[in-house]
Protein backbone atom coordinates (compact mmCIF):
# COMPACT_ATOMS: atom_id res chain seq x y z
CA UNK A 1 104.28 101.71 100.79
CA UNK A 2 102.14 101.94 98.17
CA UNK A 3 100.71 100.21 95.49
CA UNK A 4 100.00 100.39 92.38
CA UNK A 5 97.41 97.04 91.48
CA UNK A 6 97.12 97.85 88.02
CA UNK A 7 98.40 100.01 85.91
CA UNK A 8 94.92 101.05 84.23
CA UNK A 9 96.08 100.58 81.00
CA UNK A 10 92.74 100.43 79.90
CA UNK A 11 91.72 103.69 81.94
CA UNK A 12 90.98 105.66 77.86
CA UNK A 13 89.33 102.28 76.84
CA UNK A 14 86.66 102.76 79.39
CA UNK A 15 85.71 105.64 78.25
CA UNK A 16 85.28 105.58 74.61
CA UNK A 17 88.30 105.77 73.47
CA UNK A 18 90.47 103.05 71.65
CA UNK A 19 93.15 103.58 69.34
CA UNK A 20 95.59 104.51 72.10
CA UNK A 21 97.64 100.86 72.53
CA UNK A 22 97.59 99.14 76.40
CA UNK A 23 101.24 99.04 76.50
CA UNK A 24 101.48 103.30 76.13
CA UNK A 25 99.38 103.47 78.08
CA UNK A 26 100.38 102.07 80.94
CA UNK A 27 103.84 103.32 80.35
CA UNK A 28 102.11 107.21 80.54
CA UNK A 29 100.09 105.71 84.11
CA UNK A 30 103.63 105.21 85.61
CA UNK A 31 105.65 107.65 84.07
CA UNK A 32 102.43 110.24 85.70
CA UNK A 33 102.59 107.69 89.13
CA UNK A 34 106.92 108.60 89.94
CA UNK A 35 106.12 112.20 89.02
CA UNK A 36 102.92 112.25 91.11
CA UNK A 37 105.69 110.93 94.13
CA UNK A 38 108.24 113.44 93.19
CA UNK A 39 106.06 116.48 93.35
CA UNK A 40 105.02 114.96 97.06
CA UNK A 41 108.67 114.14 98.46
CA UNK A 42 108.13 110.24 98.10
CA UNK A 43 110.93 107.78 97.10
CA UNK A 44 110.19 106.05 94.43
CA UNK A 45 111.38 103.25 95.84
CA UNK A 46 108.13 103.36 98.46
CA UNK A 47 105.58 102.49 95.66
CA UNK A 48 104.77 99.31 93.73
CA UNK A 49 103.27 97.79 91.29
CA UNK A 50 101.79 95.23 91.23
CA UNK A 51 101.50 94.81 87.64
CA UNK A 52 97.41 92.93 87.93
CA UNK A 53 95.45 93.39 84.54
CA UNK A 54 93.29 96.55 85.05
CA UNK A 55 89.73 95.14 85.54
CA UNK A 56 88.49 92.52 86.88
CA UNK A 57 91.37 92.56 89.76
CA UNK A 58 88.11 91.02 92.34
CA UNK A 59 88.30 88.04 90.02
CA UNK A 60 91.95 87.62 90.50
CA UNK A 61 91.83 88.18 94.58
CA UNK A 62 93.91 84.92 94.77
CA UNK A 63 96.99 85.92 93.21
CA UNK A 64 96.90 89.77 94.56
CA UNK A 65 96.75 88.10 98.25
CA UNK A 66 100.41 86.22 96.69
CA UNK A 67 101.74 88.85 95.68
CA UNK A 68 101.23 91.31 98.80
CA UNK A 69 102.60 88.35 101.54
CA UNK A 70 105.24 87.20 98.44
CA UNK A 71 106.30 91.24 99.23
CA UNK A 72 106.15 92.35 103.40
CA UNK A 73 108.41 88.39 103.39
CA UNK A 74 110.55 89.87 101.95
């Protein structure tokens, strides 16, 4: 399994590009991830998006831990 902790929605913003909506960037990043999985011939079911907000993950360790625990208990 591969986990994407955030959707990368702020990746352009932190590089000074402020006019692209975060939801558009998140959608693009998800599409890129699925394309990479296809190229690597890894089933897309092996990619799990945890969808935590981009930036500040270190303040959300408990939430991240809970999401990972829930996945592994299924």
